[in-house]
């Protein structure tokens, strides 16, 4: 995840350039890079699939994506945390909604 905010007008080339310059990473590594807009209700996900660059954009109809407090740099997430983030769930403090009371 790219900490801070990103101009959501950027496309594949602009985000790949940000990966190289601001994050000092290789956009063709196969890693997933996630960027958030100023309002917090939109993210863009960039990854290299091996034969081409892929770009996914998601906008929440209600609420905001939970983002780290860091102003710049990168934050690493697990696959489960990324999945929760993309679902609009607070990935920092996931809570179970139901817990079994009895095994019988």
PDB file of N, CA and C in Angstrom:
ATOM      1  N   UNK A   1       0.839  -1.166   0.000  1.00  0.00           N
ATOM      2  CA  UNK A   1       0.000   0.000   0.000  1.00  0.00           C
ATOM      3  C   UNK A   1       0.887   1.233   0.000  1.00  0.00           C
ATOM      4  N   UNK A   2       0.514   2.195  -0.826  1.00  0.00           N
ATOM      5  CA  UNK A   2       1.199   3.480  -0.816  1.00  0.00           C
ATOM      6  C   UNK A   2       0.557   4.330   0.267  1.00  0.00           C
ATOM      7  N   UNK A   3       1.307   4.678   1.302  1.00  0.00           N
ATOM      8  CA  UNK A   3       0.776   5.514   2.371  1.00  0.00           C
ATOM      9  C   UNK A   3       0.494   6.908   1.826  1.00  0.00           C
ATOM     10  N   UNK A   4      -0.411   7.615   2.469  1.00  0.00           N
ATOM     11  CA  UNK A   4      -0.769   8.947   1.996  1.00  0.00           C
ATOM     12  C   UNK A   4      -1.826   8.872   0.913  1.00  0.00           C
ATOM     13  N   UNK A   5      -1.992   9.982   0.191  1.00  0.00           N
ATOM     14  CA  UNK A   5      -3.014  10.045  -0.859  1.00  0.00           C
ATOM     15  C   UNK A   5      -2.375  10.093  -2.232  1.00  0.00           C
ATOM     16  N   UNK A   6      -3.134   9.667  -3.230  1.00  0.00           N
ATOM     17  CA  UNK A   6      -2.675   9.620  -4.615  1.00  0.00           C
ATOM     18  C   UNK A   6      -3.712  10.297  -5.495  1.00  0.00           C
ATOM     19  N   UNK A   7      -3.255  10.971  -6.524  1.00  0.00           N
ATOM     20  CA  UNK A   7      -4.147  11.585  -7.507  1.00  0.00           C
ATOM     21  C   UNK A   7      -4.820  10.458  -8.291  1.00  0.00           C
ATOM     22  N   UNK A   8      -6.123  10.313  -8.151  1.00  0.00           N
ATOM     23  CA  UNK A   8      -6.852   9.218  -8.789  1.00  0.00           C
ATOM     24  C   UNK A   8      -7.021   9.417 -10.296  1.00  0.00           C
ATOM     25  N   UNK A   9      -6.559  10.537 -10.834  1.00  0.00           N
ATOM     26  CA  UNK A   9      -6.577  10.706 -12.289  1.00  0.00           C
ATOM     27  C   UNK A   9      -5.464   9.904 -12.949  1.00  0.00           C
ATOM     28  N   UNK A  10      -4.494   9.436 -12.155  1.00  0.00           N
ATOM     29  CA  UNK A  10      -3.360   8.678 -12.683  1.00  0.00           C
ATOM     30  C   UNK A  10      -3.832   7.326 -13.203  1.00  0.00           C
ATOM     31  N   UNK A  11      -3.262   6.915 -14.320  1.00  0.00           N
ATOM     32  CA  UNK A  11      -3.548   5.612 -14.902  1.00  0.00           C
ATOM     33  C   UNK A  11      -2.408   4.648 -14.634  1.00  0.00           C
ATOM     34  N   UNK A  12      -2.331   3.601 -15.446  1.00  0.00           N
ATOM     35  CA  UNK A  12      -1.303   2.577 -15.261  1.00  0.00           C
ATOM     36  C   UNK A  12       0.107   3.148 -15.273  1.00  0.00           C
ATOM     37  N   UNK A  13       0.406   3.962 -16.287  1.00  0.00           N
ATOM     38  CA  UNK A  13       1.766   4.490 -16.408  1.00  0.00           C
ATOM     39  C   UNK A  13       2.120   5.423 -15.256  1.00  0.00           C
ATOM     40  N   UNK A  14       1.196   6.295 -14.875  1.00  0.00           N
ATOM     41  CA  UNK A  14       1.448   7.217 -13.775  1.00  0.00           C
ATOM     42  C   UNK A  14       1.630   6.496 -12.449  1.00  0.00           C
ATOM     43  N   UNK A  15       0.814   5.491 -12.190  1.00  0.00           N
ATOM     44  CA  UNK A  15       0.952   4.734 -10.946  1.00  0.00           C
ATOM     45  C   UNK A  15       2.215   3.877 -10.952  1.00  0.00           C
ATOM     46  N   UNK A  16       2.563   3.295 -12.101  1.00  0.00           N
ATOM     47  CA  UNK A  16       3.803   2.517 -12.195  1.00  0.00           C
ATOM     48  C   UNK A  16       5.007   3.423 -11.948  1.00  0.00           C
ATOM     49  N   UNK A  17       4.958   4.659 -12.449  1.00  0.00           N
ATOM     50  CA  UNK A  17       6.042   5.614 -12.205  1.00  0.00           C
ATOM     51  C   UNK A  17       6.124   5.958 -10.727  1.00  0.00           C
ATOM     52  N   UNK A  18       4.976   6.093 -10.064  1.00  0.00           N
ATOM     53  CA  UNK A  18       4.970   6.380  -8.623  1.00  0.00           C
ATOM     54  C   UNK A  18       5.571   5.220  -7.843  1.00  0.00           C
ATOM     55  N   UNK A  19       5.278   3.990  -8.265  1.00  0.00           N
ATOM     56  CA  UNK A  19       5.861   2.812  -7.618  1.00  0.00           C
ATOM     57  C   UNK A  19       7.380   2.882  -7.697  1.00  0.00           C
ATOM     58  N   UNK A  20       7.898   3.228  -8.885  1.00  0.00           N
ATOM     59  CA  UNK A  20       9.346   3.291  -9.065  1.00  0.00           C
ATOM     60  C   UNK A  20       9.985   4.450  -8.314  1.00  0.00           C
ATOM     61  N   UNK A  21       9.396   5.630  -8.375  1.00  0.00           N
ATOM     62  CA  UNK A  21      10.037   6.813  -7.794  1.00  0.00           C
ATOM     63  C   UNK A  21       9.746   6.967  -6.300  1.00  0.00           C
ATOM     64  N   UNK A  22       8.481   7.023  -5.913  1.00  0.00           N
ATOM     65  CA  UNK A  22       8.132   7.295  -4.520  1.00  0.00           C
ATOM     66  C   UNK A  22       8.327   6.083  -3.612  1.00  0.00           C
ATOM     67  N   UNK A  23       8.033   4.891  -4.119  1.00  0.00           N
ATOM     68  CA  UNK A  23       8.140   3.689  -3.296  1.00  0.00           C
ATOM     69  C   UNK A  23       9.448   2.939  -3.495  1.00  0.00           C
ATOM     70  N   UNK A  24      10.212   3.287  -4.533  1.00  0.00           N
ATOM     71  CA  UNK A  24      11.485   2.627  -4.855  1.00  0.00           C
ATOM     72  C   UNK A  24      11.298   1.114  -5.008  1.00  0.00           C
ATOM     73  N   UNK A  25      10.221   0.732  -5.672  1.00  0.00           N
ATOM     74  CA  UNK A  25       9.920  -0.678  -5.930  1.00  0.00           C
ATOM     75  C   UNK A  25       9.822  -0.907  -7.434  1.00  0.00           C
ATOM     76  N   UNK A  26       9.840  -2.178  -7.838  1.00  0.00           N
ATOM     77  CA  UNK A  26       9.708  -2.559  -9.241  1.00  0.00           C
ATOM     78  C   UNK A  26       8.238  -2.863  -9.546  1.00  0.00           C
ATOM     79  N   UNK A  27       7.570  -2.053 -10.376  1.00  0.00           N
ATOM     80  CA  UNK A  27       6.157  -2.318 -10.662  1.00  0.00           C
ATOM     81  C   UNK A  27       5.931  -3.620 -11.428  1.00  0.00           C
ATOM     82  N   UNK A  28       6.989  -4.208 -11.994  1.00  0.00           N
ATOM     83  CA  UNK A  28       6.887  -5.456 -12.751  1.00  0.00           C
ATOM     84  C   UNK A  28       7.292  -6.671 -11.911  1.00  0.00           C
ATOM     85  N   UNK A  29       7.306  -6.519 -10.591  1.00  0.00           N
ATOM     86  CA  UNK A  29       7.727  -7.592  -9.687  1.00  0.00           C
ATOM     87  C   UNK A  29       6.633  -8.625  -9.448  1.00  0.00           C
ATOM     88  N   UNK A  30       5.383  -8.287  -9.765  1.00  0.00           N
ATOM     89  CA  UNK A  30       4.271  -9.175  -9.472  1.00  0.00           C
ATOM     90  C   UNK A  30       3.597  -8.840  -8.159  1.00  0.00           C
ATOM     91  N   UNK A  31       4.167  -7.903  -7.390  1.00  0.00           N
ATOM     92  CA  UNK A  31       3.527  -7.452  -6.157  1.00  0.00           C
ATOM     93  C   UNK A  31       2.303  -6.610  -6.491  1.00  0.00           C
ATOM     94  N   UNK A  32       1.401  -6.519  -5.560  1.00  0.00           N
ATOM     95  CA  UNK A  32       0.180  -5.724  -5.712  1.00  0.00           C
ATOM     96  C   UNK A  32       0.414  -4.386  -5.018  1.00  0.00           C
ATOM     97  N   UNK A  33       0.150  -3.288  -5.721  1.00  0.00           N
ATOM     98  CA  UNK A  33       0.328  -1.942  -5.174  1.00  0.00           C
ATOM     99  C   UNK A  33      -1.037  -1.277  -5.101  1.00  0.00           C
ATOM    100  N   UNK A  34      -1.377  -0.736  -3.927  1.00  0.00           N
ATOM    101  CA  UNK A  34      -2.689  -0.152  -3.689  1.00  0.00           C
ATOM    102  C   UNK A  34      -2.532   1.332  -3.386  1.00  0.00           C
ATOM    103  N   UNK A  35      -3.376   2.151  -4.025  1.00  0.00           N
ATOM    104  CA  UNK A  35      -3.345   3.607  -3.874  1.00  0.00           C
ATOM    105  C   UNK A  35      -4.728   4.103  -3.487  1.00  0.00           C
ATOM    106  N   UNK A  36      -4.776   5.134  -2.638  1.00  0.00           N
ATOM    107  CA  UNK A  36      -6.053   5.695  -2.182  1.00  0.00           C
ATOM    108  C   UNK A  36      -6.183   7.147  -2.601  1.00  0.00           C
ATOM    109  N   UNK A  37      -7.389   7.540  -2.961  1.00  0.00           N
ATOM    110  CA  UNK A  37      -7.671   8.923  -3.327  1.00  0.00           C
ATOM    111  C   UNK A  37      -7.837   9.824  -2.117  1.00  0.00           C
ATOM    112  N   UNK A  38      -7.952  11.105  -2.360  1.00  0.00           N
ATOM    113  CA  UNK A  38      -8.041  12.110  -1.294  1.00  0.00           C
ATOM    114  C   UNK A  38      -9.264  11.906  -0.402  1.00  0.00           C
ATOM    115  N   UNK A  39     -10.425  11.643  -0.994  1.00  0.00           N
ATOM    116  CA  UNK A  39     -11.653  11.489  -0.206  1.00  0.00           C
ATOM    117  C   UNK A  39     -11.687  10.193   0.586  1.00  0.00           C
ATOM    118  N   UNK A  40     -10.914   9.210   0.174  1.00  0.00           N
ATOM    119  CA  UNK A  40     -10.853   7.948   0.908  1.00  0.00           C
ATOM    120  C   UNK A  40     -11.883   6.923   0.505  1.00  0.00           C
ATOM    121  N   UNK A  41     -12.725   7.253  -0.485  1.00  0.00           N
ATOM    122  CA  UNK A  41     -13.745   6.291  -0.887  1.00  0.00           C
ATOM    123  C   UNK A  41     -13.363   5.532  -2.149  1.00  0.00           C
ATOM    124  N   UNK A  42     -12.154   5.769  -2.668  1.00  0.00           N
ATOM    125  CA  UNK A  42     -11.719   5.104  -3.898  1.00  0.00           C
ATOM    126  C   UNK A  42     -10.282   4.610  -3.758  1.00  0.00           C
ATOM    127  N   UNK A  43     -10.038   3.390  -4.265  1.00  0.00           N
ATOM    128  CA  UNK A  43      -8.682   2.851  -4.342  1.00  0.00           C
ATOM    129  C   UNK A  43      -8.426   2.370  -5.761  1.00  0.00           C
ATOM    130  N   UNK A  44      -7.148   2.361  -6.117  1.00  0.00           N
ATOM    131  CA  UNK A  44      -6.708   1.737  -7.361  1.00  0.00           C
ATOM    132  C   UNK A  44      -5.643   0.717  -7.002  1.00  0.00           C
ATOM    133  N   UNK A  45      -5.732  -0.448  -7.652  1.00  0.00           N
ATOM    134  CA  UNK A  45      -4.808  -1.543  -7.416  1.00  0.00           C
ATOM    135  C   UNK A  45      -4.065  -1.810  -8.717  1.00  0.00           C
ATOM    136  N   UNK A  46      -2.741  -1.846  -8.631  1.00  0.00           N
ATOM    137  CA  UNK A  46      -1.883  -2.041  -9.805  1.00  0.00           C
ATOM    138  C   UNK A  46      -1.034  -3.287  -9.594  1.00  0.00           C
ATOM    139  N   UNK A  47      -1.004  -4.167 -10.603  1.00  0.00           N
ATOM    140  CA  UNK A  47      -0.109  -5.315 -10.530  1.00  0.00           C
ATOM    141  C   UNK A  47       0.253  -5.795 -11.922  1.00  0.00           C
ATOM    142  N   UNK A  48       1.404  -6.435 -12.004  1.00  0.00           N
ATOM    143  CA  UNK A  48       1.919  -7.023 -13.232  1.00  0.00           C
ATOM    144  C   UNK A  48       1.556  -8.502 -13.206  1.00  0.00           C
ATOM    145  N   UNK A  49       0.806  -8.974 -14.195  1.00  0.00           N
ATOM    146  CA  UNK A  49       0.340 -10.356 -14.207  1.00  0.00           C
ATOM    147  C   UNK A  49       1.303 -11.307 -14.908  1.00  0.00           C
ATOM    148  N   UNK A  50       2.416 -10.785 -15.364  1.00  0.00           N
ATOM    149  CA  UNK A  50       3.392 -11.623 -16.061  1.00  0.00           C
ATOM    150  C   UNK A  50       3.420 -11.346 -17.552  1.00  0.00           C
ATOM    151  N   UNK A  51       2.288 -10.923 -18.099  1.00  0.00           N
ATOM    152  CA  UNK A  51       2.251 -10.601 -19.519  1.00  0.00           C
ATOM    153  C   UNK A  51       1.608  -9.243 -19.785  1.00  0.00           C
ATOM    154  N   UNK A  52       1.230  -8.548 -18.708  1.00  0.00           N
ATOM    155  CA  UNK A  52       0.643  -7.222 -18.885  1.00  0.00           C
ATOM    156  C   UNK A  52       0.332  -6.573 -17.547  1.00  0.00           C
ATOM    157  N   UNK A  53       0.193  -5.251 -17.579  1.00  0.00           N
ATOM    158  CA  UNK A  53      -0.130  -4.491 -16.376  1.00  0.00           C
ATOM    159  C   UNK A  53      -1.651  -4.483 -16.194  1.00  0.00           C
ATOM    160  N   UNK A  54      -2.102  -4.695 -14.966  1.00  0.00           N
ATOM    161  CA  UNK A  54      -3.529  -4.703 -14.638  1.00  0.00           C
ATOM    162  C   UNK A  54      -3.832  -3.555 -13.685  1.00  0.00           C
ATOM    163  N   UNK A  55      -4.995  -2.948 -13.868  1.00  0.00           N
ATOM    164  CA  UNK A  55      -5.424  -1.845 -13.016  1.00  0.00           C
ATOM    165  C   UNK A  55      -6.873  -2.083 -12.610  1.00  0.00           C
ATOM    166  N   UNK A  56      -7.114  -2.103 -11.304  1.00  0.00           N
ATOM    167  CA  UNK A  56      -8.455  -2.261 -10.758  1.00  0.00           C
ATOM    168  C   UNK A  56      -8.784  -0.990  -9.985  1.00  0.00           C
ATOM    169  N   UNK A  57      -9.964  -0.465 -10.174  1.00  0.00           N
ATOM    170  CA  UNK A  57     -10.435   0.684  -9.397  1.00  0.00           C
ATOM    171  C   UNK A  57     -11.702   0.268  -8.661  1.00  0.00           C
ATOM    172  N   UNK A  58     -11.810   0.683  -7.394  1.00  0.00           N
ATOM    173  CA  UNK A  58     -13.021   0.394  -6.622  1.00  0.00           C
ATOM    174  C   UNK A  58     -13.410   1.639  -5.841  1.00  0.00           C
ATOM    175  N   UNK A  59     -14.702   1.976  -5.911  1.00  0.00           N
ATOM    176  CA  UNK A  59     -15.248   3.096  -5.147  1.00  0.00           C
ATOM    177  C   UNK A  59     -16.324   2.549  -4.229  1.00  0.00           C
ATOM    178  N   UNK A  60     -16.230   2.884  -2.955  1.00  0.00           N
ATOM    179  CA  UNK A  60     -17.263   2.484  -2.009  1.00  0.00           C
ATOM    180  C   UNK A  60     -18.446   3.427  -2.144  1.00  0.00           C
ATOM    181  N   UNK A  61     -19.637   2.887  -2.134  1.00  0.00           N
ATOM    182  CA  UNK A  61     -20.834   3.715  -2.207  1.00  0.00           C
ATOM    183  C   UNK A  61     -21.116   4.400  -0.872  1.00  0.00           C
ATOM    184  N   UNK A  62     -20.723   3.746   0.224  1.00  0.00           N
ATOM    185  CA  UNK A  62     -20.841   4.344   1.554  1.00  0.00           C
ATOM    186  C   UNK A  62     -19.573   4.048   2.326  1.00  0.00           C
ATOM    187  N   UNK A  63     -19.106   5.000   3.123  1.00  0.00           N
ATOM    188  CA  UNK A  63     -17.941   4.786   3.968  1.00  0.00           C
ATOM    189  C   UNK A  63     -16.640   5.097   3.250  1.00  0.00           C
ATOM    190  N   UNK A  64     -15.548   4.809   3.943  1.00  0.00           N
ATOM    191  CA  UNK A  64     -14.208   5.078   3.432  1.00  0.00           C
ATOM    192  C   UNK A  64     -13.308   3.866   3.674  1.00  0.00           C
ATOM    193  N   UNK A  65     -12.302   3.731   2.843  1.00  0.00           N
ATOM    194  CA  UNK A  65     -11.311   2.676   3.039  1.00  0.00           C
ATOM    195  C   UNK A  65     -10.439   3.053   4.235  1.00  0.00           C
ATOM    196  N   UNK A  66     -10.130   2.069   5.081  1.00  0.00           N
ATOM    197  CA  UNK A  66      -9.274   2.294   6.244  1.00  0.00           C
ATOM    198  C   UNK A  66      -7.829   2.313   5.759  1.00  0.00           C
ATOM    199  N   UNK A  67      -7.124   3.403   6.055  1.00  0.00           N
ATOM    200  CA  UNK A  67      -5.766   3.616   5.547  1.00  0.00           C
ATOM    201  C   UNK A  67      -4.824   3.884   6.704  1.00  0.00           C
ATOM    202  N   UNK A  68      -3.545   3.504   6.582  1.00  0.00           N
ATOM    203  CA  UNK A  68      -2.583   3.775   7.668  1.00  0.00           C
ATOM    204  C   UNK A  68      -2.352   5.277   7.837  1.00  0.00           C
ATOM    205  N   UNK A  69      -1.900   5.672   9.025  1.00  0.00           N
ATOM    206  CA  UNK A  69      -1.697   7.075   9.344  1.00  0.00           C
ATOM    207  C   UNK A  69      -0.424   7.665   8.721  1.00  0.00           C
ATOM    208  N   UNK A  70       0.483   6.850   8.219  1.00  0.00           N
ATOM    209  CA  UNK A  70       1.734   7.345   7.633  1.00  0.00           C
ATOM    210  C   UNK A  70       1.456   8.286   6.468  1.00  0.00           C
ATOM    211  N   UNK A  71       2.235   9.364   6.366  1.00  0.00           N
ATOM    212  CA  UNK A  71       2.030  10.371   5.320  1.00  0.00           C
ATOM    213  C   UNK A  71       2.675   9.966   3.999  1.00  0.00           C
ATOM    214  N   UNK A  72       3.744   9.166   4.048  1.00  0.00           N
ATOM    215  CA  UNK A  72       4.405   8.734   2.820  1.00  0.00           C
ATOM    216  C   UNK A  72       5.061   7.380   3.052  1.00  0.00           C
ATOM    217  N   UNK A  73       5.623   6.804   1.978  1.00  0.00           N
ATOM    218  CA  UNK A  73       6.226   5.489   2.072  1.00  0.00           C
ATOM    219  C   UNK A  73       5.231   4.398   1.735  1.00  0.00           C
ATOM    220  N   UNK A  74       5.528   3.197   2.195  1.00  0.00           N
ATOM    221  CA  UNK A  74       4.688   2.043   1.880  1.00  0.00           C
ATOM    222  C   UNK A  74       4.367   1.257   3.143  1.00  0.00           C
ATOM    223  N   UNK A  75       3.259   0.567   3.127  1.00  0.00           N
ATOM    224  CA  UNK A  75       2.830  -0.315   4.210  1.00  0.00           C
ATOM    225  C   UNK A  75       2.549  -1.675   3.587  1.00  0.00           C
ATOM    226  N   UNK A  76       3.031  -2.732   4.203  1.00  0.00           N
ATOM    227  CA  UNK A  76       2.828  -4.082   3.686  1.00  0.00           C
ATOM    228  C   UNK A  76       1.651  -4.738   4.398  1.00  0.00           C
ATOM    229  N   UNK A  77       0.770  -5.359   3.609  1.00  0.00           N
ATOM    230  CA  UNK A  77      -0.394  -6.070   4.142  1.00  0.00           C
ATOM    231  C   UNK A  77      -0.323  -7.536   3.761  1.00  0.00           C
ATOM    232  N   UNK A  78      -0.965  -8.371   4.566  1.00  0.00           N
ATOM    233  CA  UNK A  78      -1.122  -9.776   4.196  1.00  0.00           C
ATOM    234  C   UNK A  78      -2.257  -9.875   3.174  1.00  0.00           C
ATOM    235  N   UNK A  79      -2.421 -11.041   2.573  1.00  0.00           N
ATOM    236  CA  UNK A  79      -3.528 -11.248   1.635  1.00  0.00           C
ATOM    237  C   UNK A  79      -4.867 -11.056   2.324  1.00  0.00           C
ATOM    238  N   UNK A  80      -4.985 -11.533   3.563  1.00  0.00           N
ATOM    239  CA  UNK A  80      -6.240 -11.400   4.305  1.00  0.00           C
ATOM    240  C   UNK A  80      -6.531  -9.929   4.600  1.00  0.00           C
ATOM    241  N   UNK A  81      -5.517  -9.168   5.007  1.00  0.00           N
ATOM    242  CA  UNK A  81      -5.711  -7.748   5.285  1.00  0.00           C
ATOM    243  C   UNK A  81      -6.115  -6.990   4.030  1.00  0.00           C
ATOM    244  N   UNK A  82      -5.482  -7.308   2.888  1.00  0.00           N
ATOM    245  CA  UNK A  82      -5.841  -6.658   1.630  1.00  0.00           C
ATOM    246  C   UNK A  82      -7.283  -6.981   1.255  1.00  0.00           C
ATOM    247  N   UNK A  83      -7.683  -8.223   1.436  1.00  0.00           N
ATOM    248  CA  UNK A  83      -9.058  -8.619   1.143  1.00  0.00           C
ATOM    249  C   UNK A  83     -10.042  -7.832   1.994  1.00  0.00           C
ATOM    250  N   UNK A  84      -9.738  -7.684   3.279  1.00  0.00           N
ATOM    251  CA  UNK A  84     -10.613  -6.912   4.165  1.00  0.00           C
ATOM    252  C   UNK A  84     -10.655  -5.451   3.748  1.00  0.00           C
ATOM    253  N   UNK A  85      -9.497  -4.889   3.404  1.00  0.00           N
ATOM    254  CA  UNK A  85      -9.444  -3.500   2.972  1.00  0.00           C
ATOM    255  C   UNK A  85     -10.333  -3.273   1.765  1.00  0.00           C
ATOM    256  N   UNK A  86     -10.253  -4.161   0.778  1.00  0.00           N
ATOM    257  CA  UNK A  86     -11.042  -4.013  -0.445  1.00  0.00           C
ATOM    258  C   UNK A  86     -12.538  -4.214  -0.195  1.00  0.00           C
ATOM    259  N   UNK A  87     -12.898  -4.891   0.902  1.00  0.00           N
ATOM    260  CA  UNK A  87     -14.305  -5.067   1.266  1.00  0.00           C
ATOM    261  C   UNK A  87     -14.810  -3.923   2.138  1.00  0.00           C
ATOM    262  N   UNK A  88     -13.926  -2.985   2.485  1.00  0.00           N
ATOM    263  CA  UNK A  88     -14.326  -1.864   3.324  1.00  0.00           C
ATOM    264  C   UNK A  88     -14.325  -2.184   4.807  1.00  0.00           C
ATOM    265  N   UNK A  89     -13.655  -3.278   5.197  1.00  0.00           N
ATOM    266  CA  UNK A  89     -13.580  -3.699   6.595  1.00  0.00           C
ATOM    267  C   UNK A  89     -12.325  -3.094   7.221  1.00  0.00           C
ATOM    268  N   UNK A  90     -12.417  -2.721   8.498  1.00  0.00           N
ATOM    269  CA  UNK A  90     -11.241  -2.204   9.211  1.00  0.00           C
ATOM    270  C   UNK A  90     -10.259  -3.350   9.413  1.00  0.00           C
ATOM    271  N   UNK A  91      -9.231  -3.422   8.585  1.00  0.00           N
ATOM    272  CA  UNK A  91      -8.267  -4.516   8.591  1.00  0.00           C
ATOM    273  C   UNK A  91      -7.329  -4.456   9.792  1.00  0.00           C
ATOM    274  N   UNK A  92      -7.281  -3.326  10.504  1.00  0.00           N
ATOM    275  CA  UNK A  92      -6.387  -3.198  11.655  1.00  0.00           C
ATOM    276  C   UNK A  92      -6.940  -3.913  12.873  1.00  0.00           C
ATOM    277  N   UNK A  93      -8.277  -3.989  13.002  1.00  0.00           N
ATOM    278  CA  UNK A  93      -8.920  -4.612  14.158  1.00  0.00           C
ATOM    279  C   UNK A  93     -10.101  -5.461  13.711  1.00  0.00           C
ATOM    280  N   UNK A  94      -9.865  -6.538  12.991  1.00  0.00           N
ATOM    281  CA  UNK A  94     -11.002  -7.358  12.545  1.00  0.00           C
ATOM    282  C   UNK A  94     -11.696  -7.995  13.750  1.00  0.00           C
ATOM    283  N   UNK A  95     -12.995  -8.023  13.708  1.00  0.00           N
ATOM    284  CA  UNK A  95     -13.774  -8.624  14.786  1.00  0.00           C
ATOM    285  C   UNK A  95     -14.708  -9.669  14.205  1.00  0.00           C
ATOM    286  N   UNK A  96     -14.805 -10.772  14.899  1.00  0.00           N
ATOM    287  CA  UNK A  96     -15.740 -11.809  14.492  1.00  0.00           C
ATOM    288  C   UNK A  96     -17.146 -11.343  14.821  1.00  0.00           C
ATOM    289  N   UNK A  97     -18.073 -11.611  13.930  1.00  0.00           N
ATOM    290  CA  UNK A  97     -19.437 -11.186  14.162  1.00  0.00           C
ATOM    291  C   UNK A  97     -20.254 -12.239  14.899  1.00  0.00           C
ATOM    292  N   UNK A  98     -19.753 -13.457  14.951  1.00  0.00           N
ATOM    293  CA  UNK A  98     -20.469 -14.537  15.599  1.00  0.00           C
ATOM    294  C   UNK A  98     -19.469 -15.504  16.200  1.00  0.00           C
ATOM    295  N   UNK A  99     -19.741 -15.949  17.392  1.00  0.00           N
ATOM    296  CA  UNK A  99     -18.870 -16.916  18.049  1.00  0.00           C
ATOM    297  C   UNK A  99     -19.730 -18.057  18.570  1.00  0.00           C
ATOM    298  N   UNK A 100     -19.357 -19.312  18.291  1.00  0.00           N
ATOM    299  CA  UNK A 100     -20.157 -20.442  18.766  1.00  0.00           C
ATOM    300  C   UNK A 100     -20.217 -20.466  20.294  1.00  0.00           C
ATOM    301  N   UNK A 101     -21.385 -20.809  20.831  1.00  0.00           N
ATOM    302  CA  UNK A 101     -21.566 -20.891  22.282  1.00  0.00           C
ATOM    303  C   UNK A 101     -21.366 -22.315  22.790  1.00  0.00           C
ATOM    304  N   UNK A 102     -21.677 -23.290  21.930  1.00  0.00           N
ATOM    305  CA  UNK A 102     -21.586 -24.678  22.363  1.00  0.00           C
ATOM    306  C   UNK A 102     -21.270 -25.561  21.150  1.00  0.00           C
ATOM    307  N   UNK A 103     -20.547 -26.620  21.415  1.00  0.00           N
ATOM    308  CA  UNK A 103     -20.211 -27.561  20.350  1.00  0.00           C
ATOM    309  C   UNK A 103     -21.308 -28.599  20.138  1.00  0.00           C
ATOM    310  N   UNK A 104     -22.282 -28.598  21.010  1.00  0.00           N
ATOM    311  CA  UNK A 104     -23.359 -29.591  20.928  1.00  0.00           C
ATOM    312  C   UNK A 104     -24.484 -29.123  20.091  1.00  0.00           C
TER     313      UNK A 104
END
